[in-house]
N, C-alpha and C. Protein backbone atom coordinates (compact mmCIF):
# COMPACT_ATOMS: atom_id res chain seq x y z
N MET A 1 92.28 116.58 73.40
CA MET A 1 91.10 116.42 74.23
C MET A 1 90.73 114.94 74.36
N PHE A 2 90.83 114.20 73.24
CA PHE A 2 90.50 112.78 73.25
C PHE A 2 91.39 112.03 74.26
N SER A 3 92.68 112.33 74.26
CA SER A 3 93.61 111.68 75.19
C SER A 3 93.25 112.02 76.64
N PHE A 4 92.86 113.26 76.89
CA PHE A 4 92.45 113.67 78.24
C PHE A 4 91.25 112.85 78.70
N VAL A 5 90.26 112.69 77.85
CA VAL A 5 89.05 111.94 78.20
C VAL A 5 89.38 110.47 78.48
N ILE A 6 90.19 109.86 77.61
CA ILE A 6 90.58 108.46 77.81
C ILE A 6 91.33 108.30 79.13
N TYR A 7 92.28 109.21 79.37
CA TYR A 7 93.05 109.17 80.62
C TYR A 7 92.10 109.30 81.82
N ALA A 8 91.18 110.24 81.76
CA ALA A 8 90.26 110.46 82.88
C ALA A 8 89.38 109.23 83.12
N LEU A 9 88.87 108.63 82.08
CA LEU A 9 88.01 107.45 82.24
C LEU A 9 88.77 106.27 82.84
N ILE A 10 89.94 106.00 82.31
CA ILE A 10 90.73 104.87 82.80
C ILE A 10 91.10 105.08 84.26
N ASN A 11 91.57 106.27 84.59
CA ASN A 11 92.00 106.55 85.95
C ASN A 11 90.84 106.51 86.94
N ALA A 12 89.69 107.03 86.54
CA ALA A 12 88.54 107.10 87.45
C ALA A 12 87.93 105.73 87.73
N PHE A 13 87.92 104.84 86.75
CA PHE A 13 87.22 103.57 86.91
C PHE A 13 88.09 102.46 87.48
N THR A 14 89.41 102.67 87.56
CA THR A 14 90.26 101.63 88.14
C THR A 14 90.06 101.61 89.66
N PRO A 15 90.31 100.45 90.28
CA PRO A 15 90.11 100.38 91.73
C PRO A 15 91.04 101.33 92.47
N GLY A 16 90.47 102.01 93.40
CA GLY A 16 91.22 102.89 94.29
C GLY A 16 90.50 102.88 95.62
N PRO A 17 91.04 103.55 96.62
CA PRO A 17 90.43 103.52 97.94
C PRO A 17 88.96 103.97 97.96
N GLY A 18 88.64 105.03 97.24
CA GLY A 18 87.24 105.52 97.23
C GLY A 18 86.29 104.53 96.60
N ASN A 19 86.67 103.98 95.46
CA ASN A 19 85.81 103.02 94.78
C ASN A 19 85.64 101.75 95.59
N ILE A 20 86.72 101.26 96.20
CA ILE A 20 86.63 100.04 97.00
C ILE A 20 85.78 100.27 98.25
N LEU A 21 85.97 101.41 98.91
CA LEU A 21 85.16 101.71 100.10
C LEU A 21 83.68 101.86 99.72
N ALA A 22 83.40 102.49 98.58
CA ALA A 22 82.01 102.64 98.14
C ALA A 22 81.38 101.26 97.87
N LEU A 23 82.10 100.39 97.20
CA LEU A 23 81.61 99.05 96.93
C LEU A 23 81.35 98.30 98.23
N ASN A 24 82.30 98.35 99.15
CA ASN A 24 82.16 97.66 100.42
C ASN A 24 81.00 98.22 101.24
N THR A 25 80.85 99.52 101.25
CA THR A 25 79.76 100.14 102.01
C THR A 25 78.41 99.77 101.41
N MET A 26 78.31 99.73 100.09
CA MET A 26 77.06 99.35 99.44
C MET A 26 76.69 97.91 99.79
N THR A 27 77.67 97.01 99.74
CA THR A 27 77.35 95.62 100.05
C THR A 27 77.02 95.43 101.52
N ASN A 28 77.62 96.22 102.40
CA ASN A 28 77.36 96.09 103.83
C ASN A 28 76.08 96.81 104.28
N TYR A 29 75.86 98.00 103.76
CA TYR A 29 74.79 98.85 104.30
C TYR A 29 73.69 99.19 103.31
N GLY A 30 73.97 99.05 102.03
CA GLY A 30 73.00 99.44 101.03
C GLY A 30 73.10 100.92 100.71
N TRP A 31 72.25 101.36 99.80
CA TRP A 31 72.28 102.75 99.32
C TRP A 31 71.86 103.74 100.40
N LYS A 32 70.75 103.45 101.06
CA LYS A 32 70.17 104.42 102.00
C LYS A 32 71.11 104.73 103.17
N LYS A 33 71.61 103.70 103.83
CA LYS A 33 72.50 103.93 104.97
C LYS A 33 73.88 104.42 104.54
N GLY A 34 74.28 104.08 103.33
CA GLY A 34 75.60 104.46 102.85
C GLY A 34 75.67 105.84 102.23
N LYS A 35 74.49 106.45 101.97
CA LYS A 35 74.48 107.75 101.29
C LYS A 35 75.39 108.80 101.89
N PRO A 36 75.43 108.97 103.22
CA PRO A 36 76.33 110.01 103.76
C PRO A 36 77.79 109.77 103.35
N LEU A 37 78.24 108.53 103.39
CA LEU A 37 79.61 108.23 102.99
C LEU A 37 79.82 108.52 101.51
N TYR A 38 78.88 108.10 100.67
CA TYR A 38 79.02 108.33 99.22
C TYR A 38 79.11 109.82 98.92
N PHE A 39 78.25 110.60 99.57
CA PHE A 39 78.27 112.04 99.33
C PHE A 39 79.57 112.66 99.84
N GLY A 40 80.13 112.09 100.92
CA GLY A 40 81.44 112.54 101.39
C GLY A 40 82.52 112.25 100.37
N ILE A 41 82.46 111.07 99.75
CA ILE A 41 83.43 110.72 98.71
C ILE A 41 83.29 111.68 97.54
N PHE A 42 82.05 111.93 97.12
CA PHE A 42 81.84 112.83 95.97
C PHE A 42 82.33 114.24 96.28
N ALA A 43 81.95 114.76 97.45
CA ALA A 43 82.36 116.12 97.83
C ALA A 43 83.88 116.20 97.95
N GLY A 44 84.48 115.17 98.54
CA GLY A 44 85.93 115.14 98.65
C GLY A 44 86.61 115.13 97.30
N TYR A 45 86.02 114.41 96.34
CA TYR A 45 86.58 114.36 94.99
C TYR A 45 86.60 115.76 94.37
N PHE A 46 85.48 116.46 94.46
CA PHE A 46 85.41 117.82 93.89
C PHE A 46 86.36 118.77 94.62
N PHE A 47 86.44 118.63 95.94
CA PHE A 47 87.33 119.48 96.73
C PHE A 47 88.78 119.27 96.33
N VAL A 48 89.19 118.00 96.23
CA VAL A 48 90.58 117.69 95.87
C VAL A 48 90.90 118.19 94.46
N GLN A 49 89.99 118.02 93.53
CA GLN A 49 90.28 118.47 92.17
C GLN A 49 90.37 120.00 92.10
N ALA A 50 89.57 120.69 92.89
CA ALA A 50 89.70 122.15 92.95
C ALA A 50 91.07 122.53 93.52
N LEU A 51 91.50 121.82 94.56
CA LEU A 51 92.84 122.07 95.12
C LEU A 51 93.92 121.86 94.06
N CYS A 52 93.78 120.80 93.27
CA CYS A 52 94.76 120.54 92.21
C CYS A 52 94.83 121.71 91.23
N ALA A 53 93.69 122.25 90.87
CA ALA A 53 93.67 123.38 89.94
C ALA A 53 94.41 124.58 90.55
N PHE A 54 94.17 124.85 91.83
CA PHE A 54 94.86 125.96 92.49
C PHE A 54 96.36 125.70 92.58
N PHE A 55 96.74 124.46 92.89
CA PHE A 55 98.16 124.12 92.96
C PHE A 55 98.84 124.38 91.62
N ILE A 56 98.24 123.88 90.57
CA ILE A 56 98.84 124.01 89.25
C ILE A 56 98.86 125.47 88.82
N PHE A 57 97.84 126.21 89.18
CA PHE A 57 97.76 127.61 88.77
C PHE A 57 98.85 128.47 89.40
N GLY A 58 99.14 128.27 90.68
CA GLY A 58 100.08 129.21 91.27
C GLY A 58 100.93 128.73 92.41
N LEU A 59 100.82 127.47 92.76
CA LEU A 59 101.55 127.01 93.93
C LEU A 59 102.50 125.85 93.61
N ASP A 60 103.12 125.89 92.44
CA ASP A 60 103.98 124.78 92.01
C ASP A 60 105.03 124.37 93.03
N ASN A 61 105.65 125.33 93.69
CA ASN A 61 106.74 125.01 94.61
C ASN A 61 106.26 124.35 95.91
N LEU A 62 104.96 124.34 96.16
CA LEU A 62 104.42 123.70 97.37
C LEU A 62 103.93 122.28 97.11
N ILE A 63 103.81 121.89 95.85
CA ILE A 63 103.20 120.60 95.54
C ILE A 63 104.00 119.44 96.11
N ASN A 64 105.30 119.40 95.90
CA ASN A 64 106.09 118.25 96.33
C ASN A 64 106.04 118.02 97.84
N PRO A 65 106.28 119.03 98.69
CA PRO A 65 106.21 118.77 100.13
C PRO A 65 104.81 118.32 100.57
N ILE A 66 103.79 118.94 100.00
CA ILE A 66 102.42 118.56 100.36
C ILE A 66 102.13 117.13 99.92
N MET A 67 102.57 116.76 98.72
CA MET A 67 102.33 115.41 98.22
C MET A 67 103.05 114.38 99.08
N ASN A 68 104.25 114.70 99.57
CA ASN A 68 104.97 113.77 100.45
C ASN A 68 104.20 113.51 101.73
N VAL A 69 103.70 114.57 102.35
CA VAL A 69 102.91 114.43 103.58
C VAL A 69 101.63 113.64 103.28
N LEU A 70 100.95 113.99 102.19
CA LEU A 70 99.71 113.30 101.84
C LEU A 70 99.95 111.82 101.53
N THR A 71 101.09 111.51 100.96
CA THR A 71 101.40 110.11 100.66
C THR A 71 101.42 109.28 101.94
N TYR A 72 102.16 109.73 102.94
CA TYR A 72 102.24 108.96 104.19
C TYR A 72 100.92 108.98 104.96
N ALA A 73 100.24 110.11 104.97
CA ALA A 73 98.92 110.16 105.61
C ALA A 73 97.97 109.22 104.88
N GLY A 74 98.04 109.21 103.57
CA GLY A 74 97.18 108.34 102.78
C GLY A 74 97.46 106.87 103.04
N VAL A 75 98.73 106.50 103.14
CA VAL A 75 99.09 105.10 103.42
C VAL A 75 98.52 104.67 104.77
N ILE A 76 98.69 105.50 105.78
CA ILE A 76 98.17 105.18 107.11
C ILE A 76 96.65 105.03 107.08
N TYR A 77 95.97 105.96 106.43
CA TYR A 77 94.52 105.91 106.35
C TYR A 77 94.05 104.69 105.58
N ILE A 78 94.72 104.37 104.47
CA ILE A 78 94.33 103.22 103.66
C ILE A 78 94.56 101.92 104.44
N LEU A 79 95.65 101.84 105.20
CA LEU A 79 95.88 100.66 106.03
C LEU A 79 94.77 100.51 107.07
N TRP A 80 94.35 101.61 107.67
CA TRP A 80 93.23 101.56 108.62
C TRP A 80 91.96 101.09 107.91
N LEU A 81 91.69 101.62 106.69
CA LEU A 81 90.52 101.19 105.94
C LEU A 81 90.59 99.70 105.62
N ALA A 82 91.77 99.21 105.23
CA ALA A 82 91.93 97.79 104.91
C ALA A 82 91.57 96.94 106.13
N TYR A 83 92.04 97.35 107.29
CA TYR A 83 91.71 96.64 108.52
C TYR A 83 90.19 96.66 108.77
N GLU A 84 89.60 97.84 108.65
CA GLU A 84 88.15 97.97 108.88
C GLU A 84 87.34 97.12 107.89
N VAL A 85 87.75 97.11 106.63
CA VAL A 85 87.07 96.30 105.62
C VAL A 85 87.23 94.82 105.95
N ALA A 86 88.44 94.41 106.32
CA ALA A 86 88.71 92.99 106.61
C ALA A 86 87.87 92.47 107.76
N ILE A 87 87.62 93.28 108.77
CA ILE A 87 86.86 92.81 109.94
C ILE A 87 85.37 93.11 109.86
N SER A 88 84.95 93.85 108.82
CA SER A 88 83.54 94.24 108.76
C SER A 88 82.65 93.03 108.46
N LYS A 89 81.42 93.14 108.91
CA LYS A 89 80.41 92.11 108.68
C LYS A 89 79.20 92.80 108.07
N PRO A 90 78.36 92.04 107.37
CA PRO A 90 77.14 92.66 106.83
C PRO A 90 76.33 93.32 107.94
N ASP A 91 75.65 94.39 107.60
CA ASP A 91 74.85 95.15 108.56
C ASP A 91 73.82 94.23 109.20
N ASN A 92 73.87 94.15 110.51
CA ASN A 92 72.91 93.32 111.23
C ASN A 92 71.82 94.16 111.89
N LYS A 93 71.67 95.36 111.45
CA LYS A 93 70.65 96.31 111.94
C LYS A 93 70.87 96.75 113.38
N LYS A 94 71.93 96.22 114.04
CA LYS A 94 72.21 96.59 115.42
C LYS A 94 73.51 97.38 115.54
N SER A 95 74.16 97.60 114.43
CA SER A 95 75.47 98.25 114.44
C SER A 95 75.36 99.74 114.77
N ASP A 96 76.23 100.18 115.69
CA ASP A 96 76.29 101.61 116.00
C ASP A 96 77.14 102.35 114.97
N LYS A 97 78.05 101.63 114.31
CA LYS A 97 78.92 102.24 113.31
C LYS A 97 78.15 102.40 112.02
N GLN A 98 77.98 103.61 111.59
CA GLN A 98 77.29 103.89 110.34
C GLN A 98 78.25 104.63 109.41
N PRO A 99 78.12 104.41 108.11
CA PRO A 99 78.94 105.18 107.17
C PRO A 99 78.67 106.67 107.35
N SER A 100 79.72 107.47 107.30
CA SER A 100 79.51 108.90 107.50
C SER A 100 80.10 109.71 106.35
N PHE A 101 79.57 110.91 106.20
CA PHE A 101 80.06 111.87 105.21
C PHE A 101 81.55 112.11 105.41
N TRP A 102 81.96 112.30 106.67
CA TRP A 102 83.34 112.69 106.95
C TRP A 102 84.34 111.59 106.67
N ILE A 103 83.94 110.32 106.85
CA ILE A 103 84.85 109.23 106.49
C ILE A 103 85.11 109.26 104.99
N GLY A 104 84.06 109.43 104.20
CA GLY A 104 84.21 109.52 102.74
C GLY A 104 85.01 110.73 102.32
N PHE A 105 84.75 111.87 102.94
CA PHE A 105 85.43 113.12 102.60
C PHE A 105 86.92 113.03 102.93
N VAL A 106 87.23 112.59 104.16
CA VAL A 106 88.63 112.50 104.58
C VAL A 106 89.38 111.49 103.72
N LEU A 107 88.71 110.41 103.34
CA LEU A 107 89.37 109.44 102.46
C LEU A 107 89.88 110.13 101.20
N GLN A 108 89.06 110.99 100.63
CA GLN A 108 89.47 111.67 99.39
C GLN A 108 90.58 112.70 99.65
N ILE A 109 90.58 113.32 100.81
CA ILE A 109 91.60 114.31 101.13
C ILE A 109 92.98 113.64 101.21
N VAL A 110 93.05 112.40 101.66
CA VAL A 110 94.33 111.70 101.76
C VAL A 110 94.52 110.69 100.62
N ASN A 111 93.64 110.70 99.65
CA ASN A 111 93.72 109.78 98.51
C ASN A 111 94.68 110.36 97.47
N VAL A 112 95.93 109.98 97.57
CA VAL A 112 96.96 110.53 96.70
C VAL A 112 96.67 110.19 95.24
N LYS A 113 95.98 109.07 95.01
CA LYS A 113 95.67 108.69 93.62
C LYS A 113 94.91 109.81 92.91
N ILE A 114 93.93 110.41 93.57
CA ILE A 114 93.16 111.44 92.86
C ILE A 114 93.91 112.76 92.77
N PHE A 115 94.81 113.04 93.73
CA PHE A 115 95.68 114.21 93.59
C PHE A 115 96.57 114.05 92.36
N LEU A 116 97.22 112.89 92.27
CA LEU A 116 98.09 112.64 91.12
C LEU A 116 97.30 112.63 89.82
N PHE A 117 96.10 112.09 89.87
CA PHE A 117 95.21 112.06 88.73
C PHE A 117 94.95 113.49 88.23
N GLY A 118 94.54 114.36 89.13
CA GLY A 118 94.22 115.74 88.75
C GLY A 118 95.44 116.52 88.28
N ILE A 119 96.54 116.38 88.99
CA ILE A 119 97.75 117.12 88.62
C ILE A 119 98.31 116.64 87.29
N THR A 120 98.34 115.32 87.12
CA THR A 120 98.85 114.76 85.86
C THR A 120 97.97 115.14 84.69
N ALA A 121 96.67 115.09 84.88
CA ALA A 121 95.75 115.45 83.79
C ALA A 121 95.95 116.90 83.37
N LEU A 122 96.08 117.79 84.35
CA LEU A 122 96.26 119.21 84.02
C LEU A 122 97.61 119.46 83.35
N THR A 123 98.67 118.95 83.97
CA THR A 123 99.99 119.26 83.43
C THR A 123 100.26 118.53 82.12
N GLY A 124 99.69 117.36 81.94
CA GLY A 124 99.94 116.60 80.73
C GLY A 124 99.05 116.95 79.56
N TYR A 125 97.82 117.35 79.84
CA TYR A 125 96.85 117.54 78.76
C TYR A 125 96.28 118.95 78.64
N ILE A 126 96.30 119.73 79.70
CA ILE A 126 95.59 121.01 79.69
C ILE A 126 96.53 122.21 79.69
N THR A 127 97.47 122.27 80.63
CA THR A 127 98.31 123.47 80.73
C THR A 127 99.16 123.77 79.49
N PRO A 128 99.47 122.79 78.63
CA PRO A 128 100.16 123.19 77.40
C PRO A 128 99.30 124.09 76.49
N TYR A 129 97.99 124.09 76.71
CA TYR A 129 97.08 124.87 75.85
C TYR A 129 96.34 125.98 76.58
N TYR A 130 96.09 125.80 77.88
CA TYR A 130 95.31 126.76 78.66
C TYR A 130 96.01 127.02 79.99
N SER A 131 95.84 128.24 80.51
CA SER A 131 96.49 128.53 81.79
C SER A 131 95.62 129.32 82.76
N SER A 132 94.42 129.71 82.37
CA SER A 132 93.59 130.50 83.29
C SER A 132 93.03 129.61 84.39
N LEU A 133 92.88 130.18 85.56
CA LEU A 133 92.35 129.44 86.70
C LEU A 133 90.97 128.88 86.39
N GLY A 134 90.13 129.67 85.74
CA GLY A 134 88.78 129.21 85.40
C GLY A 134 88.80 127.97 84.52
N THR A 135 89.69 127.95 83.55
CA THR A 135 89.79 126.79 82.65
C THR A 135 90.33 125.58 83.40
N LEU A 136 91.34 125.80 84.24
CA LEU A 136 91.88 124.69 85.03
C LEU A 136 90.81 124.11 85.96
N LEU A 137 90.06 124.98 86.62
CA LEU A 137 88.96 124.51 87.48
C LEU A 137 87.91 123.76 86.67
N PHE A 138 87.59 124.25 85.49
CA PHE A 138 86.60 123.58 84.62
C PHE A 138 87.04 122.14 84.33
N PHE A 139 88.29 121.95 83.93
CA PHE A 139 88.75 120.60 83.61
C PHE A 139 88.84 119.72 84.85
N GLU A 140 89.19 120.30 85.98
CA GLU A 140 89.21 119.50 87.21
C GLU A 140 87.80 119.09 87.64
N MET A 141 86.81 119.92 87.37
CA MET A 141 85.44 119.54 87.69
C MET A 141 84.95 118.43 86.75
N ILE A 142 85.46 118.43 85.53
CA ILE A 142 85.17 117.30 84.62
C ILE A 142 85.76 116.02 85.21
N ILE A 143 86.99 116.10 85.69
CA ILE A 143 87.63 114.93 86.30
C ILE A 143 86.83 114.46 87.52
N ALA A 144 86.42 115.39 88.37
CA ALA A 144 85.65 115.02 89.57
C ALA A 144 84.30 114.40 89.18
N THR A 145 83.68 114.91 88.13
CA THR A 145 82.41 114.36 87.67
C THR A 145 82.60 112.94 87.15
N VAL A 146 83.63 112.72 86.36
CA VAL A 146 83.93 111.37 85.86
C VAL A 146 84.24 110.45 87.04
N GLY A 147 85.00 110.93 88.01
CA GLY A 147 85.29 110.13 89.20
C GLY A 147 84.05 109.78 89.99
N THR A 148 83.12 110.73 90.11
CA THR A 148 81.87 110.47 90.80
C THR A 148 81.05 109.43 90.06
N ILE A 149 81.00 109.52 88.74
CA ILE A 149 80.28 108.51 87.94
C ILE A 149 80.92 107.15 88.12
N ALA A 150 82.25 107.10 88.17
CA ALA A 150 82.94 105.83 88.39
C ALA A 150 82.58 105.24 89.75
N THR A 151 82.57 106.08 90.78
CA THR A 151 82.22 105.61 92.12
C THR A 151 80.77 105.13 92.15
N LEU A 152 79.88 105.83 91.49
CA LEU A 152 78.49 105.38 91.41
C LEU A 152 78.40 104.02 90.72
N THR A 153 79.24 103.78 89.74
CA THR A 153 79.27 102.48 89.07
C THR A 153 79.69 101.39 90.05
N TRP A 154 80.71 101.67 90.86
CA TRP A 154 81.14 100.70 91.87
C TRP A 154 80.03 100.47 92.89
N ILE A 155 79.30 101.52 93.25
CA ILE A 155 78.17 101.38 94.18
C ILE A 155 77.09 100.50 93.55
N PHE A 156 76.79 100.73 92.28
CA PHE A 156 75.79 99.94 91.56
C PHE A 156 76.16 98.46 91.59
N PHE A 157 77.43 98.16 91.28
CA PHE A 157 77.84 96.75 91.29
C PHE A 157 77.83 96.18 92.70
N GLY A 158 78.09 97.02 93.69
CA GLY A 158 77.96 96.57 95.08
C GLY A 158 76.53 96.15 95.38
N GLY A 159 75.56 96.90 94.84
CA GLY A 159 74.15 96.54 95.01
C GLY A 159 73.81 95.23 94.33
N LEU A 160 74.36 95.03 93.13
CA LEU A 160 74.11 93.79 92.40
C LEU A 160 74.71 92.58 93.11
N LEU A 161 75.83 92.81 93.77
CA LEU A 161 76.53 91.71 94.42
C LEU A 161 76.13 91.51 95.88
N GLN A 162 75.16 92.27 96.35
CA GLN A 162 74.84 92.26 97.78
C GLN A 162 74.45 90.88 98.29
N LYS A 163 73.61 90.15 97.57
CA LYS A 163 73.20 88.82 98.04
C LYS A 163 74.39 87.86 98.08
N THR A 164 75.23 87.94 97.07
CA THR A 164 76.44 87.11 97.06
C THR A 164 77.36 87.51 98.20
N TYR A 165 77.44 88.81 98.44
CA TYR A 165 78.29 89.31 99.51
C TYR A 165 77.85 88.75 100.86
N PHE A 166 76.55 88.76 101.14
CA PHE A 166 76.08 88.25 102.43
C PHE A 166 76.49 86.79 102.64
N LYS A 167 76.54 86.04 101.55
CA LYS A 167 76.91 84.63 101.63
C LYS A 167 78.42 84.45 101.80
N TYR A 168 79.21 85.27 101.12
CA TYR A 168 80.67 85.10 101.10
C TYR A 168 81.41 86.34 101.62
N TYR A 169 80.85 87.06 102.57
CA TYR A 169 81.40 88.34 102.97
C TYR A 169 82.83 88.25 103.48
N ARG A 170 83.18 87.21 104.18
CA ARG A 170 84.53 87.12 104.74
C ARG A 170 85.58 87.06 103.61
N ILE A 171 85.35 86.23 102.62
CA ILE A 171 86.29 86.10 101.49
C ILE A 171 86.35 87.41 100.72
N ILE A 172 85.20 88.00 100.45
CA ILE A 172 85.16 89.26 99.69
C ILE A 172 85.85 90.37 100.45
N ASN A 173 85.63 90.45 101.75
CA ASN A 173 86.28 91.49 102.56
C ASN A 173 87.79 91.33 102.57
N ILE A 174 88.27 90.10 102.62
CA ILE A 174 89.71 89.87 102.59
C ILE A 174 90.28 90.32 101.25
N ILE A 175 89.58 90.00 100.16
CA ILE A 175 90.03 90.42 98.83
C ILE A 175 90.07 91.94 98.73
N LEU A 176 89.00 92.60 99.21
CA LEU A 176 88.95 94.06 99.18
C LEU A 176 90.05 94.67 100.06
N ALA A 177 90.28 94.09 101.23
CA ALA A 177 91.33 94.58 102.11
C ALA A 177 92.70 94.42 101.45
N LEU A 178 92.91 93.29 100.75
CA LEU A 178 94.17 93.09 100.04
C LEU A 178 94.34 94.11 98.91
N LEU A 179 93.25 94.45 98.23
CA LEU A 179 93.32 95.49 97.19
C LEU A 179 93.71 96.83 97.81
N LEU A 180 93.16 97.14 98.98
CA LEU A 180 93.53 98.37 99.67
C LEU A 180 95.00 98.34 100.09
N LEU A 181 95.46 97.19 100.57
CA LEU A 181 96.88 97.07 100.92
C LEU A 181 97.75 97.30 99.68
N GLN A 182 97.32 96.80 98.54
CA GLN A 182 98.05 97.02 97.29
C GLN A 182 98.11 98.51 96.97
N CYS A 183 97.01 99.23 97.21
CA CYS A 183 96.99 100.69 97.00
C CYS A 183 98.02 101.37 97.90
N ALA A 184 98.10 100.94 99.16
CA ALA A 184 99.04 101.54 100.10
C ALA A 184 100.49 101.27 99.69
N VAL A 185 100.76 100.04 99.28
CA VAL A 185 102.11 99.70 98.83
C VAL A 185 102.48 100.48 97.58
N ALA A 186 101.53 100.59 96.65
CA ALA A 186 101.80 101.34 95.41
C ALA A 186 102.13 102.81 95.73
N LEU A 187 101.47 103.39 96.72
CA LEU A 187 101.77 104.77 97.11
C LEU A 187 103.21 104.88 97.63
N LEU A 188 103.64 103.92 98.41
CA LEU A 188 104.99 103.97 98.98
C LEU A 188 106.06 103.75 97.92
N LEU A 189 105.73 103.02 96.87
CA LEU A 189 106.71 102.71 95.83
C LEU A 189 106.81 103.78 94.75
N GLN A 190 105.96 104.79 94.80
CA GLN A 190 106.00 105.84 93.75
C GLN A 190 107.19 106.73 93.94
């Protein structure tokens, strides 16, 4: 159990597409305008982890083809996010583009990192001891909760860095876009 918790914490708090997008949205729009996107990220996290539990429970032979499709869809989506982050500017109160629930949710659906996170956690730490669907879902909800707390931490730091961001937004956006590009490359190299 201790190894599972350590694995979950490390995986959830490392930079990934959801955490980077949450940080960028917080610095650009703040908490209030960004809430729909954050809730989309959270809901997507729980949805994906539930899917992982179902996959592990009874759909082993479908995981590889689905993961291959999700990998390429995820790379394309992450590249689009990197572009959007790179060109974004701080909210000037006139922007028609607002963070949305569905952008956050879809990001998690194609976020291969959290699929691999959930599947690896279950197969490496849980299924050797438990096999019921309820237990698998329980542990995946723990993973989703830890992931949500990690994303909230990135949002919090986005709030702390907001004044600095407004001053240096172009440099910060380029760094964040490069981190997203690194995520896309890492997906292709797996």
